[in-house]
Amino acid sequence: MFSSTGFTQTAESDYQGPVVTSCKTIGTLAAEWDKTSEQWPEITLQAKVKAVHEANPIAVTELCPNQRLQVICLEYDNSALKAGDHVEVSGMLTNSFKGGVVIDPCSTRLQQD
């Protein structure tokens, strides 16, 4: 007997890796994301840190200071970043709200200028 759960699951062999996006294109990616999907989009992007708000144990990092869209990165390791740092970001695009998107969990790596 065959049973269906109502969604399709992508085989691991079909995995194409994270979506490379930017501060300019992440809003479009979030708008196109099908929120009924069982799989959140995995993303990577290069960004500049706007601000870091630490609330143990989570650091809320605001990215993309020159964009209208607010990009929020939730880091669970309380990073030592500061405003103006250039970072490589990877994580899951898990939510969008009026004027912004959330990457959670989010990981950042400081990039040397």
PDB file of N, CA and C in Angstrom:
ATOM      1  N   MET A   1       0.838  -1.174   0.000  1.00  0.00           N
ATOM      2  CA  MET A   1       0.000   0.000   0.000  1.00  0.00           C
ATOM      3  C   MET A   1       0.888   1.243   0.000  1.00  0.00           C
ATOM      4  N   PHE A   2       0.530   2.238  -0.777  1.00  0.00           N
ATOM      5  CA  PHE A   2       1.314   3.459  -0.920  1.00  0.00           C
ATOM      6  C   PHE A   2       0.607   4.603  -0.209  1.00  0.00           C
ATOM      7  N   SER A   3       1.366   5.407   0.533  1.00  0.00           N
ATOM      8  CA  SER A   3       0.816   6.546   1.248  1.00  0.00           C
ATOM      9  C   SER A   3       1.583   7.803   0.861  1.00  0.00           C
ATOM     10  N   SER A   4       0.877   8.907   0.723  1.00  0.00           N
ATOM     11  CA  SER A   4       1.513  10.175   0.379  1.00  0.00           C
ATOM     12  C   SER A   4       1.334  11.167   1.513  1.00  0.00           C
ATOM     13  N   THR A   5       2.377  11.934   1.793  1.00  0.00           N
ATOM     14  CA  THR A   5       2.299  12.923   2.869  1.00  0.00           C
ATOM     15  C   THR A   5       1.913  14.304   2.364  1.00  0.00           C
ATOM     16  N   GLY A   6       1.790  14.496   1.078  1.00  0.00           N
ATOM     17  CA  GLY A   6       1.376  15.776   0.538  1.00  0.00           C
ATOM     18  C   GLY A   6       2.520  16.684   0.109  1.00  0.00           C
ATOM     19  N   PHE A   7       3.757  16.269   0.307  1.00  0.00           N
ATOM     20  CA  PHE A   7       4.886  17.061  -0.185  1.00  0.00           C
ATOM     21  C   PHE A   7       5.923  16.126  -0.743  1.00  0.00           C
ATOM     22  N   THR A   8       6.723  16.656  -1.640  1.00  0.00           N
ATOM     23  CA  THR A   8       7.777  15.850  -2.229  1.00  0.00           C
ATOM     24  C   THR A   8       9.087  16.160  -1.536  1.00  0.00           C
ATOM     25  N   GLN A   9       9.892  15.172  -1.414  1.00  0.00           N
ATOM     26  CA  GLN A   9      11.199  15.339  -0.790  1.00  0.00           C
ATOM     27  C   GLN A   9      12.260  15.193  -1.861  1.00  0.00           C
ATOM     28  N   THR A  10      13.202  16.111  -1.877  1.00  0.00           N
ATOM     29  CA  THR A  10      14.263  16.084  -2.865  1.00  0.00           C
ATOM     30  C   THR A  10      15.322  15.074  -2.446  1.00  0.00           C
ATOM     31  N   ALA A  11      15.715  14.238  -3.361  1.00  0.00           N
ATOM     32  CA  ALA A  11      16.768  13.269  -3.069  1.00  0.00           C
ATOM     33  C   ALA A  11      18.074  14.006  -2.835  1.00  0.00           C
ATOM     34  N   GLU A  12      18.903  13.468  -1.941  1.00  0.00           N
ATOM     35  CA  GLU A  12      20.184  14.110  -1.647  1.00  0.00           C
ATOM     36  C   GLU A  12      21.023  14.292  -2.904  1.00  0.00           C
ATOM     37  N   SER A  13      20.897  13.387  -3.847  1.00  0.00           N
ATOM     38  CA  SER A  13      21.679  13.489  -5.074  1.00  0.00           C
ATOM     39  C   SER A  13      21.257  14.689  -5.922  1.00  0.00           C
ATOM     40  N   ASP A  14      20.053  15.249  -5.661  1.00  0.00           N
ATOM     41  CA  ASP A  14      19.561  16.415  -6.397  1.00  0.00           C
ATOM     42  C   ASP A  14      19.990  17.727  -5.754  1.00  0.00           C
ATOM     43  N   TYR A  15      20.591  17.673  -4.579  1.00  0.00           N
ATOM     44  CA  TYR A  15      20.978  18.880  -3.856  1.00  0.00           C
ATOM     45  C   TYR A  15      22.013  19.658  -4.654  1.00  0.00           C
ATOM     46  N   GLN A  16      21.747  20.926  -4.881  1.00  0.00           N
ATOM     47  CA  GLN A  16      22.614  21.762  -5.702  1.00  0.00           C
ATOM     48  C   GLN A  16      23.504  22.695  -4.876  1.00  0.00           C
ATOM     49  N   GLY A  17      23.409  22.637  -3.557  1.00  0.00           N
ATOM     50  CA  GLY A  17      24.194  23.526  -2.706  1.00  0.00           C
ATOM     51  C   GLY A  17      23.432  24.795  -2.385  1.00  0.00           C
ATOM     52  N   PRO A  18      24.047  25.664  -1.607  1.00  0.00           N
ATOM     53  CA  PRO A  18      23.356  26.899  -1.217  1.00  0.00           C
ATOM     54  C   PRO A  18      23.170  27.853  -2.388  1.00  0.00           C
ATOM     55  N   VAL A  19      22.131  28.664  -2.288  1.00  0.00           N
ATOM     56  CA  VAL A  19      21.858  29.701  -3.270  1.00  0.00           C
ATOM     57  C   VAL A  19      22.773  30.873  -2.953  1.00  0.00           C
ATOM     58  N   VAL A  20      23.548  31.304  -3.926  1.00  0.00           N
ATOM     59  CA  VAL A  20      24.414  32.467  -3.751  1.00  0.00           C
ATOM     60  C   VAL A  20      23.566  33.702  -4.033  1.00  0.00           C
ATOM     61  N   THR A  21      23.488  34.576  -3.046  1.00  0.00           N
ATOM     62  CA  THR A  21      22.680  35.779  -3.172  1.00  0.00           C
ATOM     63  C   THR A  21      23.513  36.977  -2.738  1.00  0.00           C
ATOM     64  N   SER A  22      22.900  38.133  -2.664  1.00  0.00           N
ATOM     65  CA  SER A  22      23.602  39.357  -2.259  1.00  0.00           C
ATOM     66  C   SER A  22      22.626  40.231  -1.487  1.00  0.00           C
ATOM     67  N   CYS A  23      23.135  41.318  -0.949  1.00  0.00           N
ATOM     68  CA  CYS A  23      22.262  42.262  -0.252  1.00  0.00           C
ATOM     69  C   CYS A  23      21.184  42.800  -1.201  1.00  0.00           C
ATOM     70  N   LYS A  24      21.508  42.920  -2.477  1.00  0.00           N
ATOM     71  CA  LYS A  24      20.561  43.454  -3.457  1.00  0.00           C
ATOM     72  C   LYS A  24      19.527  42.423  -3.895  1.00  0.00           C
ATOM     73  N   THR A  25      19.857  41.134  -3.835  1.00  0.00           N
ATOM     74  CA  THR A  25      18.949  40.118  -4.384  1.00  0.00           C
ATOM     75  C   THR A  25      18.256  39.251  -3.337  1.00  0.00           C
ATOM     76  N   ILE A  26      18.646  39.345  -2.075  1.00  0.00           N
ATOM     77  CA  ILE A  26      18.054  38.467  -1.064  1.00  0.00           C
ATOM     78  C   ILE A  26      16.557  38.748  -0.870  1.00  0.00           C
ATOM     79  N   GLY A  27      16.141  39.987  -1.058  1.00  0.00           N
ATOM     80  CA  GLY A  27      14.716  40.321  -0.945  1.00  0.00           C
ATOM     81  C   GLY A  27      13.884  39.627  -2.012  1.00  0.00           C
ATOM     82  N   THR A  28      14.393  39.596  -3.233  1.00  0.00           N
ATOM     83  CA  THR A  28      13.704  38.907  -4.324  1.00  0.00           C
ATOM     84  C   THR A  28      13.641  37.407  -4.049  1.00  0.00           C
ATOM     85  N   LEU A  29      14.750  36.852  -3.560  1.00  0.00           N
ATOM     86  CA  LEU A  29      14.779  35.426  -3.216  1.00  0.00           C
ATOM     87  C   LEU A  29      13.725  35.121  -2.152  1.00  0.00           C
ATOM     88  N   ALA A  30      13.633  35.948  -1.128  1.00  0.00           N
ATOM     89  CA  ALA A  30      12.648  35.742  -0.066  1.00  0.00           C
ATOM     90  C   ALA A  30      11.223  35.849  -0.606  1.00  0.00           C
ATOM     91  N   ALA A  31      10.987  36.791  -1.514  1.00  0.00           N
ATOM     92  CA  ALA A  31       9.653  36.969  -2.092  1.00  0.00           C
ATOM     93  C   ALA A  31       9.247  35.777  -2.948  1.00  0.00           C
ATOM     94  N   GLU A  32      10.226  35.147  -3.599  1.00  0.00           N
ATOM     95  CA  GLU A  32       9.940  34.005  -4.473  1.00  0.00           C
ATOM     96  C   GLU A  32       9.870  32.682  -3.722  1.00  0.00           C
ATOM     97  N   TRP A  33      10.347  32.655  -2.488  1.00  0.00           N
ATOM     98  CA  TRP A  33      10.364  31.425  -1.712  1.00  0.00           C
ATOM     99  C   TRP A  33       8.946  30.971  -1.403  1.00  0.00           C
ATOM    100  N   ASP A  34       8.668  29.730  -1.675  1.00  0.00           N
ATOM    101  CA  ASP A  34       7.369  29.134  -1.415  1.00  0.00           C
ATOM    102  C   ASP A  34       7.329  28.719   0.055  1.00  0.00           C
ATOM    103  N   LYS A  35       6.640  29.485   0.886  1.00  0.00           N
ATOM    104  CA  LYS A  35       6.624  29.225   2.320  1.00  0.00           C
ATOM    105  C   LYS A  35       5.888  27.943   2.696  1.00  0.00           C
ATOM    106  N   THR A  36       5.210  27.328   1.754  1.00  0.00           N
ATOM    107  CA  THR A  36       4.573  26.051   2.041  1.00  0.00           C
ATOM    108  C   THR A  36       5.550  24.899   1.854  1.00  0.00           C
ATOM    109  N   SER A  37       6.732  25.206   1.343  1.00  0.00           N
ATOM    110  CA  SER A  37       7.751  24.188   1.111  1.00  0.00           C
ATOM    111  C   SER A  37       8.263  23.647   2.439  1.00  0.00           C
ATOM    112  N   GLU A  38       8.615  22.383   2.449  1.00  0.00           N
ATOM    113  CA  GLU A  38       9.194  21.762   3.635  1.00  0.00           C
ATOM    114  C   GLU A  38      10.665  22.125   3.797  1.00  0.00           C
ATOM    115  N   GLN A  39      11.287  22.665   2.759  1.00  0.00           N
ATOM    116  CA  GLN A  39      12.720  22.954   2.783  1.00  0.00           C
ATOM    117  C   GLN A  39      12.970  24.452   2.719  1.00  0.00           C
ATOM    118  N   TRP A  40      13.638  24.993   3.724  1.00  0.00           N
ATOM    119  CA  TRP A  40      14.030  26.395   3.702  1.00  0.00           C
ATOM    120  C   TRP A  40      15.222  26.554   2.779  1.00  0.00           C
ATOM    121  N   PRO A  41      15.317  27.665   2.075  1.00  0.00           N
ATOM    122  CA  PRO A  41      16.467  27.869   1.191  1.00  0.00           C
ATOM    123  C   PRO A  41      17.755  28.095   1.983  1.00  0.00           C
ATOM    124  N   GLU A  42      18.785  27.351   1.630  1.00  0.00           N
ATOM    125  CA  GLU A  42      20.114  27.558   2.197  1.00  0.00           C
ATOM    126  C   GLU A  42      20.788  28.609   1.330  1.00  0.00           C
ATOM    127  N   ILE A  43      21.400  29.616   1.969  1.00  0.00           N
ATOM    128  CA  ILE A  43      21.978  30.725   1.214  1.00  0.00           C
ATOM    129  C   ILE A  43      23.401  31.031   1.657  1.00  0.00           C
ATOM    130  N   THR A  44      24.116  31.728   0.800  1.00  0.00           N
ATOM    131  CA  THR A  44      25.400  32.348   1.143  1.00  0.00           C
ATOM    132  C   THR A  44      25.392  33.738   0.531  1.00  0.00           C
ATOM    133  N   LEU A  45      26.077  34.668   1.189  1.00  0.00           N
ATOM    134  CA  LEU A  45      26.235  36.001   0.637  1.00  0.00           C
ATOM    135  C   LEU A  45      27.410  36.711   1.292  1.00  0.00           C
ATOM    136  N   GLN A  46      27.931  37.697   0.600  1.00  0.00           N
ATOM    137  CA  GLN A  46      28.959  38.584   1.132  1.00  0.00           C
ATOM    138  C   GLN A  46      28.219  39.843   1.581  1.00  0.00           C
ATOM    139  N   ALA A  47      28.521  40.317   2.786  1.00  0.00           N
ATOM    140  CA  ALA A  47      27.798  41.478   3.299  1.00  0.00           C
ATOM    141  C   ALA A  47      28.666  42.283   4.247  1.00  0.00           C
ATOM    142  N   LYS A  48      28.195  43.465   4.525  1.00  0.00           N
ATOM    143  CA  LYS A  48      28.832  44.339   5.503  1.00  0.00           C
ATOM    144  C   LYS A  48      27.927  44.364   6.737  1.00  0.00           C
ATOM    145  N   VAL A  49      28.534  44.380   7.923  1.00  0.00           N
ATOM    146  CA  VAL A  49      27.774  44.404   9.164  1.00  0.00           C
ATOM    147  C   VAL A  49      27.294  45.824   9.443  1.00  0.00           C
ATOM    148  N   LYS A  50      26.005  45.958   9.697  1.00  0.00           N
ATOM    149  CA  LYS A  50      25.410  47.245  10.055  1.00  0.00           C
ATOM    150  C   LYS A  50      25.483  47.454  11.568  1.00  0.00           C
ATOM    151  N   ALA A  51      25.125  46.415  12.335  1.00  0.00           N
ATOM    152  CA  ALA A  51      25.139  46.490  13.801  1.00  0.00           C
ATOM    153  C   ALA A  51      25.062  45.082  14.366  1.00  0.00           C
ATOM    154  N   VAL A  52      25.521  44.925  15.607  1.00  0.00           N
ATOM    155  CA  VAL A  52      25.424  43.649  16.312  1.00  0.00           C
ATOM    156  C   VAL A  52      24.775  43.914  17.664  1.00  0.00           C
ATOM    157  N   HIS A  53      23.719  43.155  17.942  1.00  0.00           N
ATOM    158  CA  HIS A  53      23.008  43.257  19.213  1.00  0.00           C
ATOM    159  C   HIS A  53      23.143  41.901  19.890  1.00  0.00           C
ATOM    160  N   GLU A  54      23.857  41.845  20.990  1.00  0.00           N
ATOM    161  CA  GLU A  54      24.061  40.570  21.673  1.00  0.00           C
ATOM    162  C   GLU A  54      23.029  40.382  22.764  1.00  0.00           C
ATOM    163  N   ALA A  55      22.365  39.260  22.701  1.00  0.00           N
ATOM    164  CA  ALA A  55      21.423  38.853  23.733  1.00  0.00           C
ATOM    165  C   ALA A  55      21.728  37.395  24.007  1.00  0.00           C
ATOM    166  N   ASN A  56      22.595  37.151  24.986  1.00  0.00           N
ATOM    167  CA  ASN A  56      23.067  35.788  25.251  1.00  0.00           C
ATOM    168  C   ASN A  56      21.916  34.811  25.261  1.00  0.00           C
ATOM    169  N   PRO A  57      22.047  33.696  24.599  1.00  0.00           N
ATOM    170  CA  PRO A  57      23.213  33.213  23.876  1.00  0.00           C
ATOM    171  C   PRO A  57      23.189  33.533  22.384  1.00  0.00           C
ATOM    172  N   ILE A  58      22.278  34.381  21.937  1.00  0.00           N
ATOM    173  CA  ILE A  58      22.140  34.658  20.503  1.00  0.00           C
ATOM    174  C   ILE A  58      22.635  36.068  20.193  1.00  0.00           C
ATOM    175  N   ALA A  59      23.402  36.194  19.119  1.00  0.00           N
ATOM    176  CA  ALA A  59      23.795  37.511  18.613  1.00  0.00           C
ATOM    177  C   ALA A  59      22.894  37.823  17.416  1.00  0.00           C
ATOM    178  N   VAL A  60      22.257  38.964  17.456  1.00  0.00           N
ATOM    179  CA  VAL A  60      21.427  39.421  16.347  1.00  0.00           C
ATOM    180  C   VAL A  60      22.281  40.402  15.544  1.00  0.00           C
ATOM    181  N   THR A  61      22.674  39.983  14.358  1.00  0.00           N
ATOM    182  CA  THR A  61      23.547  40.788  13.517  1.00  0.00           C
ATOM    183  C   THR A  61      22.748  41.371  12.369  1.00  0.00           C
ATOM    184  N   GLU A  62      22.772  42.690  12.246  1.00  0.00           N
ATOM    185  CA  GLU A  62      22.125  43.356  11.124  1.00  0.00           C
ATOM    186  C   GLU A  62      23.150  43.517  10.019  1.00  0.00           C
ATOM    187  N   LEU A  63      22.758  43.152   8.805  1.00  0.00           N
ATOM    188  CA  LEU A  63      23.646  43.194   7.644  1.00  0.00           C
ATOM    189  C   LEU A  63      23.138  44.200   6.616  1.00  0.00           C
ATOM    190  N   CYS A  64      23.955  44.476   5.640  1.00  0.00           N
ATOM    191  CA  CYS A  64      23.578  45.256   4.459  1.00  0.00           C
ATOM    192  C   CYS A  64      23.151  46.685   4.787  1.00  0.00           C
ATOM    193  N   PRO A  65      24.054  47.503   5.344  1.00  0.00           N
ATOM    194  CA  PRO A  65      23.687  48.852   5.771  1.00  0.00           C
ATOM    195  C   PRO A  65      23.233  49.791   4.662  1.00  0.00           C
ATOM    196  N   ASN A  66      23.591  49.530   3.431  1.00  0.00           N
ATOM    197  CA  ASN A  66      23.226  50.430   2.341  1.00  0.00           C
ATOM    198  C   ASN A  66      21.953  50.019   1.615  1.00  0.00           C
ATOM    199  N   GLN A  67      21.210  49.084   2.177  1.00  0.00           N
ATOM    200  CA  GLN A  67      19.980  48.606   1.556  1.00  0.00           C
ATOM    201  C   GLN A  67      18.784  48.996   2.410  1.00  0.00           C
ATOM    202  N   ARG A  68      17.651  49.211   1.768  1.00  0.00           N
ATOM    203  CA  ARG A  68      16.417  49.478   2.515  1.00  0.00           C
ATOM    204  C   ARG A  68      15.949  48.234   3.261  1.00  0.00           C
ATOM    205  N   LEU A  69      16.170  47.083   2.667  1.00  0.00           N
ATOM    206  CA  LEU A  69      15.742  45.821   3.261  1.00  0.00           C
ATOM    207  C   LEU A  69      16.589  45.524   4.497  1.00  0.00           C
ATOM    208  N   GLN A  70      15.948  45.204   5.598  1.00  0.00           N
ATOM    209  CA  GLN A  70      16.662  44.838   6.819  1.00  0.00           C
ATOM    210  C   GLN A  70      16.989  43.345   6.745  1.00  0.00           C
ATOM    211  N   VAL A  71      18.280  43.000   6.844  1.00  0.00           N
ATOM    212  CA  VAL A  71      18.717  41.613   6.797  1.00  0.00           C
ATOM    213  C   VAL A  71      19.225  41.260   8.193  1.00  0.00           C
ATOM    214  N   ILE A  72      18.519  40.323   8.846  1.00  0.00           N
ATOM    215  CA  ILE A  72      18.824  39.927  10.218  1.00  0.00           C
ATOM    216  C   ILE A  72      19.441  38.533  10.208  1.00  0.00           C
ATOM    217  N   CYS A  73      20.571  38.409  10.887  1.00  0.00           N
ATOM    218  CA  CYS A  73      21.299  37.144  10.994  1.00  0.00           C
ATOM    219  C   CYS A  73      21.292  36.736  12.469  1.00  0.00           C
ATOM    220  N   LEU A  74      20.712  35.573  12.787  1.00  0.00           N
ATOM    221  CA  LEU A  74      20.688  35.080  14.163  1.00  0.00           C
ATOM    222  C   LEU A  74      21.811  34.073  14.345  1.00  0.00           C
ATOM    223  N   GLU A  75      22.827  34.476  15.119  1.00  0.00           N
ATOM    224  CA  GLU A  75      23.994  33.634  15.362  1.00  0.00           C
ATOM    225  C   GLU A  75      23.942  33.088  16.778  1.00  0.00           C
ATOM    226  N   TYR A  76      24.214  31.815  16.900  1.00  0.00           N
ATOM    227  CA  TYR A  76      24.122  31.159  18.200  1.00  0.00           C
ATOM    228  C   TYR A  76      25.470  31.054  18.897  1.00  0.00           C
ATOM    229  N   ASP A  77      26.487  31.735  18.372  1.00  0.00           N
ATOM    230  CA  ASP A  77      27.800  31.686  19.004  1.00  0.00           C
ATOM    231  C   ASP A  77      28.261  33.064  19.458  1.00  0.00           C
ATOM    232  N   ASN A  78      27.342  34.034  19.493  1.00  0.00           N
ATOM    233  CA  ASN A  78      27.670  35.396  19.928  1.00  0.00           C
ATOM    234  C   ASN A  78      28.969  35.893  19.321  1.00  0.00           C
ATOM    235  N   SER A  79      28.957  36.079  18.049  1.00  0.00           N
ATOM    236  CA  SER A  79      30.151  36.485  17.320  1.00  0.00           C
ATOM    237  C   SER A  79      30.724  37.804  17.843  1.00  0.00           C
ATOM    238  N   ALA A  80      31.982  38.024  17.552  1.00  0.00           N
ATOM    239  CA  ALA A  80      32.683  39.234  17.984  1.00  0.00           C
ATOM    240  C   ALA A  80      32.731  40.268  16.865  1.00  0.00           C
ATOM    241  N   LEU A  81      31.735  40.277  16.006  1.00  0.00           N
ATOM    242  CA  LEU A  81      31.705  41.223  14.895  1.00  0.00           C
ATOM    243  C   LEU A  81      31.365  42.620  15.384  1.00  0.00           C
ATOM    244  N   LYS A  82      31.681  43.603  14.534  1.00  0.00           N
ATOM    245  CA  LYS A  82      31.322  44.984  14.829  1.00  0.00           C
ATOM    246  C   LYS A  82      30.870  45.658  13.536  1.00  0.00           C
ATOM    247  N   ALA A  83      30.195  46.776  13.684  1.00  0.00           N
ATOM    248  CA  ALA A  83      29.716  47.528  12.522  1.00  0.00           C
ATOM    249  C   ALA A  83      30.876  47.828  11.585  1.00  0.00           C
ATOM    250  N   GLY A  84      30.647  47.635  10.296  1.00  0.00           N
ATOM    251  CA  GLY A  84      31.655  47.899   9.278  1.00  0.00           C
ATOM    252  C   GLY A  84      32.442  46.678   8.844  1.00  0.00           C
ATOM    253  N   ASP A  85      32.389  45.583   9.631  1.00  0.00           N
ATOM    254  CA  ASP A  85      33.090  44.356   9.245  1.00  0.00           C
ATOM    255  C   ASP A  85      32.497  43.789   7.956  1.00  0.00           C
ATOM    256  N   HIS A  86      33.345  43.227   7.108  1.00  0.00           N
ATOM    257  CA  HIS A  86      32.921  42.509   5.905  1.00  0.00           C
ATOM    258  C   HIS A  86      32.898  41.029   6.248  1.00  0.00           C
ATOM    259  N   VAL A  87      31.778  40.358   5.942  1.00  0.00           N
ATOM    260  CA  VAL A  87      31.620  38.962   6.317  1.00  0.00           C
ATOM    261  C   VAL A  87      31.089  38.119   5.163  1.00  0.00           C
ATOM    262  N   GLU A  88      31.390  36.848   5.243  1.00  0.00           N
ATOM    263  CA  GLU A  88      30.748  35.852   4.392  1.00  0.00           C
ATOM    264  C   GLU A  88      29.706  35.190   5.271  1.00  0.00           C
ATOM    265  N   VAL A  89      28.478  35.171   4.806  1.00  0.00           N
ATOM    266  CA  VAL A  89      27.353  34.687   5.581  1.00  0.00           C
ATOM    267  C   VAL A  89      26.812  33.414   4.958  1.00  0.00           C
ATOM    268  N   SER A  90      26.485  32.449   5.806  1.00  0.00           N
ATOM    269  CA  SER A  90      25.791  31.254   5.325  1.00  0.00           C
ATOM    270  C   SER A  90      24.712  30.902   6.335  1.00  0.00           C
ATOM    271  N   GLY A  91      23.629  30.343   5.833  1.00  0.00           N
ATOM    272  CA  GLY A  91      22.541  29.976   6.729  1.00  0.00           C
ATOM    273  C   GLY A  91      21.281  29.631   5.972  1.00  0.00           C
ATOM    274  N   MET A  92      20.188  29.610   6.723  1.00  0.00           N
ATOM    275  CA  MET A  92      18.894  29.271   6.158  1.00  0.00           C
ATOM    276  C   MET A  92      18.003  30.507   6.157  1.00  0.00           C
ATOM    277  N   LEU A  93      17.407  30.805   5.025  1.00  0.00           N
ATOM    278  CA  LEU A  93      16.460  31.907   4.920  1.00  0.00           C
ATOM    279  C   LEU A  93      15.134  31.386   5.469  1.00  0.00           C
ATOM    280  N   THR A  94      14.821  31.761   6.709  1.00  0.00           N
ATOM    281  CA  THR A  94      13.681  31.141   7.387  1.00  0.00           C
ATOM    282  C   THR A  94      12.449  32.013   7.491  1.00  0.00           C
ATOM    283  N   ASN A  95      12.591  33.304   7.260  1.00  0.00           N
ATOM    284  CA  ASN A  95      11.420  34.157   7.436  1.00  0.00           C
ATOM    285  C   ASN A  95      11.618  35.463   6.690  1.00  0.00           C
ATOM    286  N   SER A  96      10.504  36.095   6.386  1.00  0.00           N
ATOM    287  CA  SER A  96      10.541  37.457   5.862  1.00  0.00           C
ATOM    288  C   SER A  96       9.440  38.225   6.569  1.00  0.00           C
ATOM    289  N   PHE A  97       9.632  39.512   6.680  1.00  0.00           N
ATOM    290  CA  PHE A  97       8.648  40.382   7.296  1.00  0.00           C
ATOM    291  C   PHE A  97       8.653  41.682   6.518  1.00  0.00           C
ATOM    292  N   LYS A  98       7.682  42.535   6.756  1.00  0.00           N
ATOM    293  CA  LYS A  98       7.608  43.786   6.000  1.00  0.00           C
ATOM    294  C   LYS A  98       8.902  44.561   6.208  1.00  0.00           C
ATOM    295  N   GLY A  99       9.672  44.690   5.140  1.00  0.00           N
ATOM    296  CA  GLY A  99      10.915  45.441   5.186  1.00  0.00           C
ATOM    297  C   GLY A  99      12.140  44.646   5.581  1.00  0.00           C
ATOM    298  N   GLY A 100      12.018  43.303   5.678  1.00  0.00           N
ATOM    299  CA  GLY A 100      13.201  42.549   6.071  1.00  0.00           C
ATOM    300  C   GLY A 100      13.105  41.051   5.889  1.00  0.00           C
ATOM    301  N   VAL A 101      14.250  40.395   6.097  1.00  0.00           N
ATOM    302  CA  VAL A 101      14.356  38.940   6.034  1.00  0.00           C
ATOM    303  C   VAL A 101      15.193  38.457   7.216  1.00  0.00           C
ATOM    304  N   VAL A 102      15.015  37.179   7.563  1.00  0.00           N
ATOM    305  CA  VAL A 102      15.746  36.574   8.680  1.00  0.00           C
ATOM    306  C   VAL A 102      16.505  35.352   8.182  1.00  0.00           C
ATOM    307  N   ILE A 103      17.791  35.289   8.552  1.00  0.00           N
ATOM    308  CA  ILE A 103      18.627  34.123   8.282  1.00  0.00           C
ATOM    309  C   ILE A 103      18.857  33.442   9.635  1.00  0.00           C
ATOM    310  N   ASP A 104      18.360  32.211   9.780  1.00  0.00           N
ATOM    311  CA  ASP A 104      18.412  31.521  11.066  1.00  0.00           C
ATOM    312  C   ASP A 104      18.401  30.011  10.841  1.00  0.00           C
ATOM    313  N   PRO A 105      19.388  29.272  11.258  1.00  0.00           N
ATOM    314  CA  PRO A 105      20.607  29.756  11.887  1.00  0.00           C
ATOM    315  C   PRO A 105      21.497  30.429  10.861  1.00  0.00           C
ATOM    316  N   CYS A 106      22.389  31.237  11.366  1.00  0.00           N
ATOM    317  CA  CYS A 106      23.273  32.027  10.515  1.00  0.00           C
ATOM    318  C   CYS A 106      24.700  31.889  11.024  1.00  0.00           C
ATOM    319  N   SER A 107      25.616  31.799  10.105  1.00  0.00           N
ATOM    320  CA  SER A 107      27.018  31.719  10.452  1.00  0.00           C
ATOM    321  C   SER A 107      27.753  32.790   9.660  1.00  0.00           C
ATOM    322  N   THR A 108      28.689  33.479  10.316  1.00  0.00           N
ATOM    323  CA  THR A 108      29.457  34.510   9.624  1.00  0.00           C
ATOM    324  C   THR A 108      30.945  34.212   9.762  1.00  0.00           C
ATOM    325  N   ARG A 109      31.659  34.553   8.720  1.00  0.00           N
ATOM    326  CA  ARG A 109      33.136  34.479   8.748  1.00  0.00           C
ATOM    327  C   ARG A 109      33.665  35.837   8.348  1.00  0.00           C
ATOM    328  N   LEU A 110      34.495  36.402   9.201  1.00  0.00           N
ATOM    329  CA  LEU A 110      35.095  37.696   8.926  1.00  0.00           C
ATOM    330  C   LEU A 110      36.004  37.580   7.710  1.00  0.00           C
ATOM    331  N   GLN A 111      35.870  38.523   6.779  1.00  0.00           N
ATOM    332  CA  GLN A 111      36.686  38.547   5.571  1.00  0.00           C
ATOM    333  C   GLN A 111      37.741  39.635   5.718  1.00  0.00           C
ATOM    334  N   GLN A 112      38.944  39.335   5.313  1.00  0.00           N
ATOM    335  CA  GLN A 112      40.022  40.316   5.373  1.00  0.00           C
ATOM    336  C   GLN A 112      39.868  41.299   4.226  1.00  0.00           C
ATOM    337  N   ASP A 113      40.027  42.581   4.523  1.00  0.00           N
ATOM    338  CA  ASP A 113      39.933  43.620   3.474  1.00  0.00           C
ATOM    339  C   ASP A 113      41.175  43.642   2.622  1.00  0.00           C
TER     340      ASP A 113
END
